[in-house]
PDB file of N, CA and C in Angstrom:
ATOM      1  N   MET A   1     168.851  90.520 268.823  1.00  0.00           N
ATOM      2  CA  MET A   1     167.498  90.995 268.627  1.00  0.00           C
ATOM      3  C   MET A   1     166.480  89.911 269.005  1.00  0.00           C
ATOM      4  N   LEU A   2     166.508  88.760 268.360  1.00  0.00           N
ATOM      5  CA  LEU A   2     165.540  87.690 268.666  1.00  0.00           C
ATOM      6  C   LEU A   2     166.037  86.872 269.850  1.00  0.00           C
ATOM      7  N   LYS A   3     165.114  86.488 270.714  1.00  0.00           N
ATOM      8  CA  LYS A   3     165.471  85.702 271.892  1.00  0.00           C
ATOM      9  C   LYS A   3     164.977  84.268 271.824  1.00  0.00           C
ATOM     10  N   GLY A   4     164.068  83.959 270.920  1.00  0.00           N
ATOM     11  CA  GLY A   4     163.513  82.615 270.836  1.00  0.00           C
ATOM     12  C   GLY A   4     162.166  82.666 270.153  1.00  0.00           C
ATOM     13  N   ILE A   5     161.516  81.530 270.090  1.00  0.00           N
ATOM     14  CA  ILE A   5     160.171  81.471 269.522  1.00  0.00           C
ATOM     15  C   ILE A   5     159.171  81.618 270.663  1.00  0.00           C
ATOM     16  N   HIS A   6     158.295  82.600 270.542  1.00  0.00           N
ATOM     17  CA  HIS A   6     157.262  82.796 271.556  1.00  0.00           C
ATOM     18  C   HIS A   6     156.093  81.846 271.318  1.00  0.00           C
ATOM     19  N   HIS A   7     155.577  81.831 270.068  1.00  0.00           N
ATOM     20  CA  HIS A   7     154.462  80.937 269.773  1.00  0.00           C
ATOM     21  C   HIS A   7     154.406  80.611 268.288  1.00  0.00           C
ATOM     22  N   VAL A   8     153.701  79.550 268.007  1.00  0.00           N
ATOM     23  CA  VAL A   8     153.361  79.127 266.652  1.00  0.00           C
ATOM     24  C   VAL A   8     151.843  79.072 266.605  1.00  0.00           C
ATOM     25  N   ALA A   9     151.245  79.636 265.558  1.00  0.00           N
ATOM     26  CA  ALA A   9     149.787  79.642 265.418  1.00  0.00           C
ATOM     27  C   ALA A   9     149.358  78.560 264.434  1.00  0.00           C
ATOM     28  N   ILE A  10     148.351  77.796 264.814  1.00  0.00           N
ATOM     29  CA  ILE A  10     147.815  76.716 263.989  1.00  0.00           C
ATOM     30  C   ILE A  10     146.315  76.924 263.847  1.00  0.00           C
ATOM     31  N   ILE A  11     145.811  76.835 262.623  1.00  0.00           N
ATOM     32  CA  ILE A  11     144.369  76.893 262.381  1.00  0.00           C
ATOM     33  C   ILE A  11     143.887  75.464 262.144  1.00  0.00           C
ATOM     34  N   CYS A  12     142.861  75.070 262.867  1.00  0.00           N
ATOM     35  CA  CYS A  12     142.350  73.695 262.753  1.00  0.00           C
ATOM     36  C   CYS A  12     140.951  73.689 262.134  1.00  0.00           C
ATOM     37  N   SER A  13     140.556  72.533 261.629  1.00  0.00           N
ATOM     38  CA  SER A  13     139.226  72.408 261.022  1.00  0.00           C
ATOM     39  C   SER A  13     138.175  71.921 262.017  1.00  0.00           C
ATOM     40  N   ASP A  14     138.599  71.193 263.047  1.00  0.00           N
ATOM     41  CA  ASP A  14     137.688  70.662 264.065  1.00  0.00           C
ATOM     42  C   ASP A  14     138.298  70.994 265.425  1.00  0.00           C
ATOM     43  N   TYR A  15     137.798  72.045 266.039  1.00  0.00           N
ATOM     44  CA  TYR A  15     138.397  72.565 267.272  1.00  0.00           C
ATOM     45  C   TYR A  15     138.480  71.515 268.376  1.00  0.00           C
ATOM     46  N   ASN A  16     137.396  70.825 268.647  1.00  0.00           N
ATOM     47  CA  ASN A  16     137.394  69.859 269.750  1.00  0.00           C
ATOM     48  C   ASN A  16     138.359  68.706 269.502  1.00  0.00           C
ATOM     49  N   ARG A  17     138.412  68.218 268.275  1.00  0.00           N
ATOM     50  CA  ARG A  17     139.337  67.129 267.936  1.00  0.00           C
ATOM     51  C   ARG A  17     140.788  67.589 268.099  1.00  0.00           C
ATOM     52  N   SER A  18     141.115  68.786 267.621  1.00  0.00           N
ATOM     53  CA  SER A  18     142.484  69.289 267.730  1.00  0.00           C
ATOM     54  C   SER A  18     142.844  69.640 269.168  1.00  0.00           C
ATOM     55  N   LYS A  19     141.890  70.190 269.914  1.00  0.00           N
ATOM     56  CA  LYS A  19     142.146  70.487 271.327  1.00  0.00           C
ATOM     57  C   LYS A  19     142.501  69.201 272.076  1.00  0.00           C
ATOM     58  N   LEU A  20     141.759  68.150 271.842  1.00  0.00           N
ATOM     59  CA  LEU A  20     142.048  66.857 272.467  1.00  0.00           C
ATOM     60  C   LEU A  20     143.428  66.343 272.059  1.00  0.00           C
ATOM     61  N   PHE A  21     143.762  66.448 270.778  1.00  0.00           N
ATOM     62  CA  PHE A  21     145.061  65.980 270.288  1.00  0.00           C
ATOM     63  C   PHE A  21     146.211  66.723 270.978  1.00  0.00           C
ATOM     64  N   TYR A  22     146.153  68.041 270.990  1.00  0.00           N
ATOM     65  CA  TYR A  22     147.275  68.817 271.525  1.00  0.00           C
ATOM     66  C   TYR A  22     147.357  68.774 273.050  1.00  0.00           C
ATOM     67  N   THR A  23     146.238  68.569 273.737  1.00  0.00           N
ATOM     68  CA  THR A  23     146.278  68.510 275.204  1.00  0.00           C
ATOM     69  C   THR A  23     146.423  67.081 275.717  1.00  0.00           C
ATOM     70  N   GLU A  24     145.618  66.155 275.211  1.00  0.00           N
ATOM     71  CA  GLU A  24     145.633  64.787 275.743  1.00  0.00           C
ATOM     72  C   GLU A  24     146.731  63.917 275.112  1.00  0.00           C
ATOM     73  N   VAL A  25     146.908  64.006 273.803  1.00  0.00           N
ATOM     74  CA  VAL A  25     147.918  63.169 273.129  1.00  0.00           C
ATOM     75  C   VAL A  25     149.309  63.753 273.324  1.00  0.00           C
ATOM     76  N   LEU A  26     149.485  65.047 273.007  1.00  0.00           N
ATOM     77  CA  LEU A  26     150.809  65.660 273.122  1.00  0.00           C
ATOM     78  C   LEU A  26     151.095  66.192 274.521  1.00  0.00           C
ATOM     79  N   GLY A  27     150.067  66.338 275.344  1.00  0.00           N
ATOM     80  CA  GLY A  27     150.267  66.712 276.742  1.00  0.00           C
ATOM     81  C   GLY A  27     150.556  68.180 277.006  1.00  0.00           C
ATOM     82  N   LEU A  28     150.138  69.068 276.106  1.00  0.00           N
ATOM     83  CA  LEU A  28     150.370  70.496 276.327  1.00  0.00           C
ATOM     84  C   LEU A  28     149.360  71.045 277.332  1.00  0.00           C
ATOM     85  N   ASP A  29     149.806  71.999 278.138  1.00  0.00           N
ATOM     86  CA  ASP A  29     148.947  72.614 279.152  1.00  0.00           C
ATOM     87  C   ASP A  29     148.199  73.801 278.563  1.00  0.00           C
ATOM     88  N   ILE A  30     146.950  73.959 278.988  1.00  0.00           N
ATOM     89  CA  ILE A  30     146.134  75.088 278.548  1.00  0.00           C
ATOM     90  C   ILE A  30     146.482  76.311 279.392  1.00  0.00           C
ATOM     91  N   ILE A  31     146.840  77.401 278.701  1.00  0.00           N
ATOM     92  CA  ILE A  31     147.085  78.687 279.359  1.00  0.00           C
ATOM     93  C   ILE A  31     145.781  79.459 279.413  1.00  0.00           C
ATOM     94  N   ALA A  32     145.106  79.552 278.269  1.00  0.00           N
ATOM     95  CA  ALA A  32     143.849  80.298 278.178  1.00  0.00           C
ATOM     96  C   ALA A  32     143.042  79.766 277.009  1.00  0.00           C
ATOM     97  N   GLU A  33     141.720  79.837 277.157  1.00  0.00           N
ATOM     98  CA  GLU A  33     140.806  79.432 276.092  1.00  0.00           C
ATOM     99  C   GLU A  33     139.752  80.518 275.956  1.00  0.00           C
ATOM    100  N   ASN A  34     139.631  81.062 274.749  1.00  0.00           N
ATOM    101  CA  ASN A  34     138.691  82.153 274.527  1.00  0.00           C
ATOM    102  C   ASN A  34     137.886  81.904 273.261  1.00  0.00           C
ATOM    103  N   TYR A  35     136.608  82.270 273.333  1.00  0.00           N
ATOM    104  CA  TYR A  35     135.757  82.242 272.147  1.00  0.00           C
ATOM    105  C   TYR A  35     135.569  83.677 271.693  1.00  0.00           C
ATOM    106  N   ARG A  36     135.814  83.922 270.398  1.00  0.00           N
ATOM    107  CA  ARG A  36     135.663  85.265 269.836  1.00  0.00           C
ATOM    108  C   ARG A  36     134.405  85.273 268.979  1.00  0.00           C
ATOM    109  N   ASP A  37     133.340  85.791 269.561  1.00  0.00           N
ATOM    110  CA  ASP A  37     132.015  85.767 268.933  1.00  0.00           C
ATOM    111  C   ASP A  37     132.010  86.461 267.569  1.00  0.00           C
ATOM    112  N   ALA A  38     132.693  87.570 267.435  1.00  0.00           N
ATOM    113  CA  ALA A  38     132.695  88.321 266.177  1.00  0.00           C
ATOM    114  C   ALA A  38     133.300  87.512 265.027  1.00  0.00           C
ATOM    115  N   ARG A  39     134.193  86.585 265.355  1.00  0.00           N
ATOM    116  CA  ARG A  39     134.851  85.760 264.329  1.00  0.00           C
ATOM    117  C   ARG A  39     134.325  84.328 264.311  1.00  0.00           C
ATOM    118  N   ASP A  40     133.411  83.996 265.226  1.00  0.00           N
ATOM    119  CA  ASP A  40     132.947  82.614 265.394  1.00  0.00           C
ATOM    120  C   ASP A  40     134.159  81.693 265.487  1.00  0.00           C
ATOM    121  N   SER A  41     135.078  82.048 266.395  1.00  0.00           N
ATOM    122  CA  SER A  41     136.386  81.407 266.451  1.00  0.00           C
ATOM    123  C   SER A  41     136.846  81.200 267.882  1.00  0.00           C
ATOM    124  N   PHE A  42     137.429  80.033 268.123  1.00  0.00           N
ATOM    125  CA  PHE A  42     138.109  79.781 269.390  1.00  0.00           C
ATOM    126  C   PHE A  42     139.583  80.117 269.227  1.00  0.00           C
ATOM    127  N   LYS A  43     140.202  80.534 270.334  1.00  0.00           N
ATOM    128  CA  LYS A  43     141.648  80.699 270.421  1.00  0.00           C
ATOM    129  C   LYS A  43     142.085  80.010 271.692  1.00  0.00           C
ATOM    130  N   LEU A  44     142.899  78.988 271.534  1.00  0.00           N
ATOM    131  CA  LEU A  44     143.388  78.198 272.660  1.00  0.00           C
ATOM    132  C   LEU A  44     144.890  78.398 272.754  1.00  0.00           C
ATOM    133  N   ASP A  45     145.351  78.927 273.876  1.00  0.00           N
ATOM    134  CA  ASP A  45     146.783  79.120 274.110  1.00  0.00           C
ATOM    135  C   ASP A  45     147.306  77.921 274.898  1.00  0.00           C
ATOM    136  N   LEU A  46     148.332  77.271 274.339  1.00  0.00           N
ATOM    137  CA  LEU A  46     148.903  76.062 274.923  1.00  0.00           C
ATOM    138  C   LEU A  46     150.374  76.284 275.259  1.00  0.00           C
ATOM    139  N   ALA A  47     150.827  75.730 276.384  1.00  0.00           N
ATOM    140  CA  ALA A  47     152.204  75.918 276.842  1.00  0.00           C
ATOM    141  C   ALA A  47     153.034  74.667 276.628  1.00  0.00           C
ATOM    142  N   LEU A  48     154.245  74.862 276.127  1.00  0.00           N
ATOM    143  CA  LEU A  48     155.255  73.816 276.078  1.00  0.00           C
ATOM    144  C   LEU A  48     156.157  73.984 277.298  1.00  0.00           C
ATOM    145  N   PRO A  49     156.849  72.922 277.725  1.00  0.00           N
ATOM    146  CA  PRO A  49     157.669  73.021 278.937  1.00  0.00           C
ATOM    147  C   PRO A  49     158.753  74.098 278.898  1.00  0.00           C
ATOM    148  N   ASP A  50     159.246  74.466 277.711  1.00  0.00           N
ATOM    149  CA  ASP A  50     160.314  75.469 277.631  1.00  0.00           C
ATOM    150  C   ASP A  50     159.800  76.898 277.659  1.00  0.00           C
ATOM    151  N   GLY A  51     158.483  77.090 277.780  1.00  0.00           N
ATOM    152  CA  GLY A  51     157.899  78.421 277.826  1.00  0.00           C
ATOM    153  C   GLY A  51     157.330  78.895 276.504  1.00  0.00           C
ATOM    154  N   SER A  52     157.655  78.223 275.410  1.00  0.00           N
ATOM    155  CA  SER A  52     157.062  78.594 274.130  1.00  0.00           C
ATOM    156  C   SER A  52     155.604  78.133 274.104  1.00  0.00           C
ATOM    157  N   GLN A  53     154.864  78.646 273.142  1.00  0.00           N
ATOM    158  CA  GLN A  53     153.432  78.376 273.112  1.00  0.00           C
ATOM    159  C   GLN A  53     152.950  78.010 271.716  1.00  0.00           C
ATOM    160  N   ILE A  54     151.807  77.343 271.683  1.00  0.00           N
ATOM    161  CA  ILE A  54     151.064  77.110 270.448  1.00  0.00           C
ATOM    162  C   ILE A  54     149.711  77.785 270.616  1.00  0.00           C
ATOM    163  N   GLU A  55     149.341  78.576 269.614  1.00  0.00           N
ATOM    164  CA  GLU A  55     148.002  79.153 269.568  1.00  0.00           C
ATOM    165  C   GLU A  55     147.196  78.304 268.600  1.00  0.00           C
ATOM    166  N   LEU A  56     146.120  77.721 269.090  1.00  0.00           N
ATOM    167  CA  LEU A  56     145.241  76.900 268.257  1.00  0.00           C
ATOM    168  C   LEU A  56     143.979  77.698 267.966  1.00  0.00           C
ATOM    169  N   PHE A  57     143.733  77.947 266.687  1.00  0.00           N
ATOM    170  CA  PHE A  57     142.578  78.731 266.256  1.00  0.00           C
ATOM    171  C   PHE A  57     141.594  77.847 265.515  1.00  0.00           C
ATOM    172  N   SER A  58     140.308  78.183 265.643  1.00  0.00           N
ATOM    173  CA  SER A  58     139.276  77.567 264.807  1.00  0.00           C
ATOM    174  C   SER A  58     138.590  78.693 264.040  1.00  0.00           C
ATOM    175  N   PHE A  59     138.234  78.425 262.810  1.00  0.00           N
ATOM    176  CA  PHE A  59     137.446  79.343 262.005  1.00  0.00           C
ATOM    177  C   PHE A  59     136.375  78.520 261.302  1.00  0.00           C
ATOM    178  N   PRO A  60     135.246  79.109 260.932  1.00  0.00           N
ATOM    179  CA  PRO A  60     134.149  78.323 260.349  1.00  0.00           C
ATOM    180  C   PRO A  60     134.533  77.511 259.110  1.00  0.00           C
ATOM    181  N   THR A  61     135.255  78.068 258.163  1.00  0.00           N
ATOM    182  CA  THR A  61     135.599  77.320 256.941  1.00  0.00           C
ATOM    183  C   THR A  61     137.019  77.658 256.484  1.00  0.00           C
ATOM    184  N   PRO A  62     138.024  77.159 257.189  1.00  0.00           N
ATOM    185  CA  PRO A  62     139.391  77.456 256.764  1.00  0.00           C
ATOM    186  C   PRO A  62     139.729  76.714 255.465  1.00  0.00           C
ATOM    187  N   PRO A  63     140.507  77.334 254.585  1.00  0.00           N
ATOM    188  CA  PRO A  63     140.884  76.636 253.355  1.00  0.00           C
ATOM    189  C   PRO A  63     141.866  75.507 253.664  1.00  0.00           C
ATOM    190  N   PRO A  64     141.908  74.481 252.826  1.00  0.00           N
ATOM    191  CA  PRO A  64     142.846  73.382 253.071  1.00  0.00           C
ATOM    192  C   PRO A  64     144.288  73.812 252.807  1.00  0.00           C
ATOM    193  N   ARG A  65     145.209  73.059 253.348  1.00  0.00           N
ATOM    194  CA  ARG A  65     146.633  73.280 253.099  1.00  0.00           C
ATOM    195  C   ARG A  65     146.877  73.077 251.607  1.00  0.00           C
ATOM    196  N   PRO A  66     147.642  73.967 250.941  1.00  0.00           N
ATOM    197  CA  PRO A  66     147.782  73.895 249.483  1.00  0.00           C
ATOM    198  C   PRO A  66     148.469  72.635 248.954  1.00  0.00           C
ATOM    199  N   SER A  67     149.462  72.136 249.626  1.00  0.00           N
ATOM    200  CA  SER A  67     150.112  70.885 249.219  1.00  0.00           C
ATOM    201  C   SER A  67     150.855  70.318 250.411  1.00  0.00           C
ATOM    202  N   HIS A  68     151.312  69.122 250.282  1.00  0.00           N
ATOM    203  CA  HIS A  68     151.936  68.470 251.429  1.00  0.00           C
ATOM    204  C   HIS A  68     153.240  67.825 251.036  1.00  0.00           C
ATOM    205  N   PRO A  69     154.340  67.962 251.728  1.00  0.00           N
ATOM    206  CA  PRO A  69     154.564  68.994 252.744  1.00  0.00           C
ATOM    207  C   PRO A  69     155.325  70.185 252.188  1.00  0.00           C
ATOM    208  N   GLU A  70     155.480  70.253 250.899  1.00  0.00           N
ATOM    209  CA  GLU A  70     156.394  71.229 250.320  1.00  0.00           C
ATOM    210  C   GLU A  70     155.747  72.529 249.856  1.00  0.00           C
ATOM    211  N   ALA A  71     154.628  72.929 250.438  1.00  0.00           N
ATOM    212  CA  ALA A  71     154.034  74.227 250.112  1.00  0.00           C
ATOM    213  C   ALA A  71     154.956  75.329 250.601  1.00  0.00           C
ATOM    214  N   CYS A  72     154.933  76.455 249.926  1.00  0.00           N
ATOM    215  CA  CYS A  72     155.719  77.599 250.367  1.00  0.00           C
ATOM    216  C   CYS A  72     155.210  78.026 251.740  1.00  0.00           C
ATOM    217  N   GLY A  73     156.108  78.292 252.638  1.00  0.00           N
ATOM    218  CA  GLY A  73     155.725  78.672 253.992  1.00  0.00           C
ATOM    219  C   GLY A  73     156.242  77.655 254.987  1.00  0.00           C
ATOM    220  N   LEU A  74     155.591  77.561 256.113  1.00  0.00           N
ATOM    221  CA  LEU A  74     156.021  76.647 257.166  1.00  0.00           C
ATOM    222  C   LEU A  74     155.942  75.205 256.678  1.00  0.00           C
ATOM    223  N   ARG A  75     157.042  74.482 256.734  1.00  0.00           N
ATOM    224  CA  ARG A  75     157.089  73.100 256.237  1.00  0.00           C
ATOM    225  C   ARG A  75     156.566  72.121 257.288  1.00  0.00           C
ATOM    226  N   HIS A  76     157.056  72.237 258.512  1.00  0.00           N
ATOM    227  CA  HIS A  76     156.577  71.406 259.612  1.00  0.00           C
ATOM    228  C   HIS A  76     156.960  72.066 260.928  1.00  0.00           C
ATOM    229  N   LEU A  77     156.403  71.553 262.005  1.00  0.00           N
ATOM    230  CA  LEU A  77     156.695  72.020 263.349  1.00  0.00           C
ATOM    231  C   LEU A  77     157.420  70.889 264.066  1.00  0.00           C
ATOM    232  N   ALA A  78     158.588  71.167 264.619  1.00  0.00           N
ATOM    233  CA  ALA A  78     159.392  70.131 265.274  1.00  0.00           C
ATOM    234  C   ALA A  78     159.441  70.376 266.782  1.00  0.00           C
ATOM    235  N   PHE A  79     159.258  69.298 267.545  1.00  0.00           N
ATOM    236  CA  PHE A  79     159.324  69.335 269.003  1.00  0.00           C
ATOM    237  C   PHE A  79     160.561  68.582 269.470  1.00  0.00           C
ATOM    238  N   ALA A  80     161.273  69.133 270.436  1.00  0.00           N
ATOM    239  CA  ALA A  80     162.413  68.450 271.043  1.00  0.00           C
ATOM    240  C   ALA A  80     161.905  67.440 272.067  1.00  0.00           C
ATOM    241  N   VAL A  81     162.488  66.242 272.054  1.00  0.00           N
ATOM    242  CA  VAL A  81     162.152  65.208 273.030  1.00  0.00           C
ATOM    243  C   VAL A  81     163.445  64.605 273.574  1.00  0.00           C
ATOM    244  N   ASP A  82     163.344  63.988 274.747  1.00  0.00           N
ATOM    245  CA  ASP A  82     164.513  63.322 275.327  1.00  0.00           C
ATOM    246  C   ASP A  82     164.758  61.970 274.688  1.00  0.00           C
ATOM    247  N   SER A  83     163.684  61.248 274.391  1.00  0.00           N
ATOM    248  CA  SER A  83     163.810  59.894 273.840  1.00  0.00           C
ATOM    249  C   SER A  83     162.820  59.697 272.700  1.00  0.00           C
ATOM    250  N   ILE A  84     163.335  59.474 271.503  1.00  0.00           N
ATOM    251  CA  ILE A  84     162.467  59.205 270.345  1.00  0.00           C
ATOM    252  C   ILE A  84     161.645  57.949 270.593  1.00  0.00           C
ATOM    253  N   GLU A  85     162.289  56.878 271.038  1.00  0.00           N
ATOM    254  CA  GLU A  85     161.590  55.612 271.221  1.00  0.00           C
ATOM    255  C   GLU A  85     160.433  55.741 272.208  1.00  0.00           C
ATOM    256  N   HIS A  86     160.676  56.429 273.324  1.00  0.00           N
ATOM    257  CA  HIS A  86     159.619  56.622 274.330  1.00  0.00           C
ATOM    258  C   HIS A  86     158.477  57.470 273.752  1.00  0.00           C
ATOM    259  N   SER A  87     158.823  58.534 273.043  1.00  0.00           N
ATOM    260  CA  SER A  87     157.815  59.415 272.461  1.00  0.00           C
ATOM    261  C   SER A  87     156.996  58.704 271.392  1.00  0.00           C
ATOM    262  N   VAL A  88     157.650  57.914 270.556  1.00  0.00           N
ATOM    263  CA  VAL A  88     156.941  57.147 269.525  1.00  0.00           C
ATOM    264  C   VAL A  88     155.979  56.160 270.179  1.00  0.00           C
ATOM    265  N   ALA A  89     156.421  55.489 271.227  1.00  0.00           N
ATOM    266  CA  ALA A  89     155.552  54.532 271.928  1.00  0.00           C
ATOM    267  C   ALA A  89     154.317  55.229 272.484  1.00  0.00           C
ATOM    268  N   LYS A  90     154.484  56.419 273.058  1.00  0.00           N
ATOM    269  CA  LYS A  90     153.332  57.160 273.597  1.00  0.00           C
ATOM    270  C   LYS A  90     152.371  57.568 272.485  1.00  0.00           C
ATOM    271  N   LEU A  91     152.907  58.025 271.348  1.00  0.00           N
ATOM    272  CA  LEU A  91     152.046  58.391 270.227  1.00  0.00           C
ATOM    273  C   LEU A  91     151.271  57.175 269.728  1.00  0.00           C
ATOM    274  N   LYS A  92     151.938  56.050 269.612  1.00  0.00           N
ATOM    275  CA  LYS A  92     151.286  54.833 269.113  1.00  0.00           C
ATOM    276  C   LYS A  92     150.210  54.333 270.074  1.00  0.00           C
ATOM    277  N   GLN A  93     150.357  54.602 271.372  1.00  0.00           N
ATOM    278  CA  GLN A  93     149.309  54.251 272.340  1.00  0.00           C
ATOM    279  C   GLN A  93     148.008  54.976 272.021  1.00  0.00           C
ATOM    280  N   HIS A  94     148.131  56.144 271.394  1.00  0.00           N
ATOM    281  CA  HIS A  94     146.961  56.936 271.005  1.00  0.00           C
ATOM    282  C   HIS A  94     146.567  56.677 269.552  1.00  0.00           C
ATOM    283  N   LYS A  95     147.122  55.618 268.970  1.00  0.00           N
ATOM    284  CA  LYS A  95     146.812  55.218 267.588  1.00  0.00           C
ATOM    285  C   LYS A  95     147.267  56.269 266.558  1.00  0.00           C
ATOM    286  N   ILE A  96     148.323  57.005 266.887  1.00  0.00           N
ATOM    287  CA  ILE A  96     148.900  57.979 265.966  1.00  0.00           C
ATOM    288  C   ILE A  96     149.891  57.236 265.063  1.00  0.00           C
ATOM    289  N   VAL A  97     149.758  57.419 263.762  1.00  0.00           N
ATOM    290  CA  VAL A  97     150.681  56.802 262.803  1.00  0.00           C
ATOM    291  C   VAL A  97     151.975  57.609 262.819  1.00  0.00           C
ATOM    292  N   VAL A  98     153.084  56.909 263.015  1.00  0.00           N
ATOM    293  CA  VAL A  98     154.392  57.549 263.092  1.00  0.00           C
ATOM    294  C   VAL A  98     155.296  56.926 262.035  1.00  0.00           C
ATOM    295  N   GLU A  99     156.002  57.768 261.299  1.00  0.00           N
ATOM    296  CA  GLU A  99     156.938  57.267 260.300  1.00  0.00           C
ATOM    297  C   GLU A  99     158.109  56.557 260.988  1.00  0.00           C
ATOM    298  N   PRO A 100     158.852  55.743 260.251  1.00  0.00           N
ATOM    299  CA  PRO A 100     160.040  55.110 260.844  1.00  0.00           C
ATOM    300  C   PRO A 100     161.034  56.158 261.359  1.00  0.00           C
ATOM    301  N   ILE A 101     161.722  55.816 262.420  1.00  0.00           N
ATOM    302  CA  ILE A 101     162.741  56.707 262.986  1.00  0.00           C
ATOM    303  C   ILE A 101     163.901  56.829 262.001  1.00  0.00           C
ATOM    304  N   ARG A 102     164.363  58.055 261.821  1.00  0.00           N
ATOM    305  CA  ARG A 102     165.492  58.334 260.925  1.00  0.00           C
ATOM    306  C   ARG A 102     166.646  58.923 261.745  1.00  0.00           C
ATOM    307  N   ILE A 103     167.804  58.988 261.109  1.00  0.00           N
ATOM    308  CA  ILE A 103     168.976  59.625 261.705  1.00  0.00           C
ATOM    309  C   ILE A 103     169.331  60.839 260.852  1.00  0.00           C
ATOM    310  N   ASP A 104     169.449  61.998 261.482  1.00  0.00           N
ATOM    311  CA  ASP A 104     169.832  63.217 260.771  1.00  0.00           C
ATOM    312  C   ASP A 104     171.271  63.052 260.283  1.00  0.00           C
ATOM    313  N   GLU A 105     171.460  63.132 258.981  1.00  0.00           N
ATOM    314  CA  GLU A 105     172.776  62.872 258.402  1.00  0.00           C
ATOM    315  C   GLU A 105     173.826  63.903 258.812  1.00  0.00           C
ATOM    316  N   PHE A 106     173.406  65.067 259.278  1.00  0.00           N
ATOM    317  CA  PHE A 106     174.357  66.106 259.654  1.00  0.00           C
ATOM    318  C   PHE A 106     174.650  66.133 261.152  1.00  0.00           C
ATOM    319  N   THR A 107     173.656  65.779 261.971  1.00  0.00           N
ATOM    320  CA  THR A 107     173.845  65.855 263.427  1.00  0.00           C
ATOM    321  C   THR A 107     173.959  64.490 264.097  1.00  0.00           C
ATOM    322  N   GLY A 108     173.508  63.447 263.401  1.00  0.00           N
ATOM    323  CA  GLY A 108     173.500  62.114 263.998  1.00  0.00           C
ATOM    324  C   GLY A 108     172.360  61.900 264.978  1.00  0.00           C
ATOM    325  N   LYS A 109     171.453  62.848 265.094  1.00  0.00           N
ATOM    326  CA  LYS A 109     170.323  62.755 266.028  1.00  0.00           C
ATOM    327  C   LYS A 109     169.149  62.011 265.396  1.00  0.00           C
ATOM    328  N   LYS A 110     168.341  61.382 266.245  1.00  0.00           N
ATOM    329  CA  LYS A 110     167.155  60.647 265.787  1.00  0.00           C
ATOM    330  C   LYS A 110     165.966  61.597 265.658  1.00  0.00           C
ATOM    331  N   TYR A 111     165.116  61.322 264.654  1.00  0.00           N
ATOM    332  CA  TYR A 111     163.898  62.109 264.469  1.00  0.00           C
ATOM    333  C   TYR A 111     162.881  61.292 263.694  1.00  0.00           C
ATOM    334  N   THR A 112     161.633  61.740 263.743  1.00  0.00           N
ATOM    335  CA  THR A 112     160.576  61.112 262.953  1.00  0.00           C
ATOM    336  C   THR A 112     159.411  62.094 262.827  1.00  0.00           C
ATOM    337  N   PHE A 113     158.485  61.745 261.944  1.00  0.00           N
ATOM    338  CA  PHE A 113     157.337  62.604 261.658  1.00  0.00           C
ATOM    339  C   PHE A 113     156.022  61.888 261.954  1.00  0.00           C
ATOM    340  N   PHE A 114     155.004  62.686 262.268  1.00  0.00           N
ATOM    341  CA  PHE A 114     153.629  62.232 262.417  1.00  0.00           C
ATOM    342  C   PHE A 114     152.757  63.419 262.050  1.00  0.00           C
ATOM    343  N   LYS A 115     151.445  63.279 262.104  1.00  0.00           N
ATOM    344  CA  LYS A 115     150.548  64.362 261.682  1.00  0.00           C
ATOM    345  C   LYS A 115     149.529  64.676 262.761  1.00  0.00           C
ATOM    346  N   ASP A 116     149.094  65.926 262.756  1.00  0.00           N
ATOM    347  CA  ASP A 116     148.005  66.312 263.650  1.00  0.00           C
ATOM    348  C   ASP A 116     146.683  65.971 262.965  1.00  0.00           C
ATOM    349  N   PRO A 117     145.540  66.214 263.591  1.00  0.00           N
ATOM    350  CA  PRO A 117     144.255  65.835 262.977  1.00  0.00           C
ATOM    351  C   PRO A 117     143.964  66.478 261.626  1.00  0.00           C
ATOM    352  N   ASP A 118     144.629  67.583 261.292  1.00  0.00           N
ATOM    353  CA  ASP A 118     144.436  68.233 259.996  1.00  0.00           C
ATOM    354  C   ASP A 118     145.586  67.948 259.028  1.00  0.00           C
ATOM    355  N   ASP A 119     146.345  66.905 259.291  1.00  0.00           N
ATOM    356  CA  ASP A 119     147.480  66.504 258.458  1.00  0.00           C
ATOM    357  C   ASP A 119     148.642  67.482 258.477  1.00  0.00           C
ATOM    358  N   LEU A 120     148.710  68.355 259.477  1.00  0.00           N
ATOM    359  CA  LEU A 120     149.877  69.218 259.621  1.00  0.00           C
ATOM    360  C   LEU A 120     151.060  68.331 259.997  1.00  0.00           C
ATOM    361  N   PRO A 121     152.152  68.393 259.246  1.00  0.00           N
ATOM    362  CA  PRO A 121     153.303  67.548 259.574  1.00  0.00           C
ATOM    363  C   PRO A 121     154.003  68.034 260.836  1.00  0.00           C
ATOM    364  N   LEU A 122     154.153  67.125 261.784  1.00  0.00           N
ATOM    365  CA  LEU A 122     154.831  67.394 263.038  1.00  0.00           C
ATOM    366  C   LEU A 122     156.030  66.467 263.136  1.00  0.00           C
ATOM    367  N   GLU A 123     157.079  66.953 263.774  1.00  0.00           N
ATOM    368  CA  GLU A 123     158.303  66.177 263.928  1.00  0.00           C
ATOM    369  C   GLU A 123     158.660  66.114 265.399  1.00  0.00           C
ATOM    370  N   ILE A 124     159.210  64.991 265.833  1.00  0.00           N
ATOM    371  CA  ILE A 124     159.864  64.918 267.134  1.00  0.00           C
ATOM    372  C   ILE A 124     161.338  64.669 266.855  1.00  0.00           C
ATOM    373  N   TYR A 125     162.196  65.377 267.588  1.00  0.00           N
ATOM    374  CA  TYR A 125     163.620  65.385 267.333  1.00  0.00           C
ATOM    375  C   TYR A 125     164.328  65.172 268.676  1.00  0.00           C
ATOM    376  N   GLU A 126     165.166  64.164 268.741  1.00  0.00           N
ATOM    377  CA  GLU A 126     165.842  63.841 269.990  1.00  0.00           C
ATOM    378  C   GLU A 126     166.919  64.889 270.265  1.00  0.00           C
ATOM    379  N   ALA A 127     166.715  65.682 271.296  1.00  0.00           N
ATOM    380  CA  ALA A 127     167.632  66.793 271.604  1.00  0.00           C
ATOM    381  C   ALA A 127     168.721  66.358 272.558  1.00  0.00           C
TER     382      ALA A 127
END
């Protein structure tokens, strides 16, 4: 029935800051950018290399995340990378704080966490 993840939707508090983060820091390509006047909201469709997408939304006054990171619902968003060390170095070039690299006790793979401009927990995982 399911074939994969098509997209993940993220609501941001500062559209321009988040757009810069996801396009310039993480390097995602813009598919489409639309302003929805009735909602006073932007919708930015971003492409990942595997064909999946992130929808970045802005709303005038979104509520804050209820707790971090263990709120009920989506815990974090993980991206596959070829090299943790290379990816961490690129993030640090943009002054992004990155947690120490860990080893997944079940798979033996390397991973680490960082945050987007709204403190959404993001993970990079060496695939």
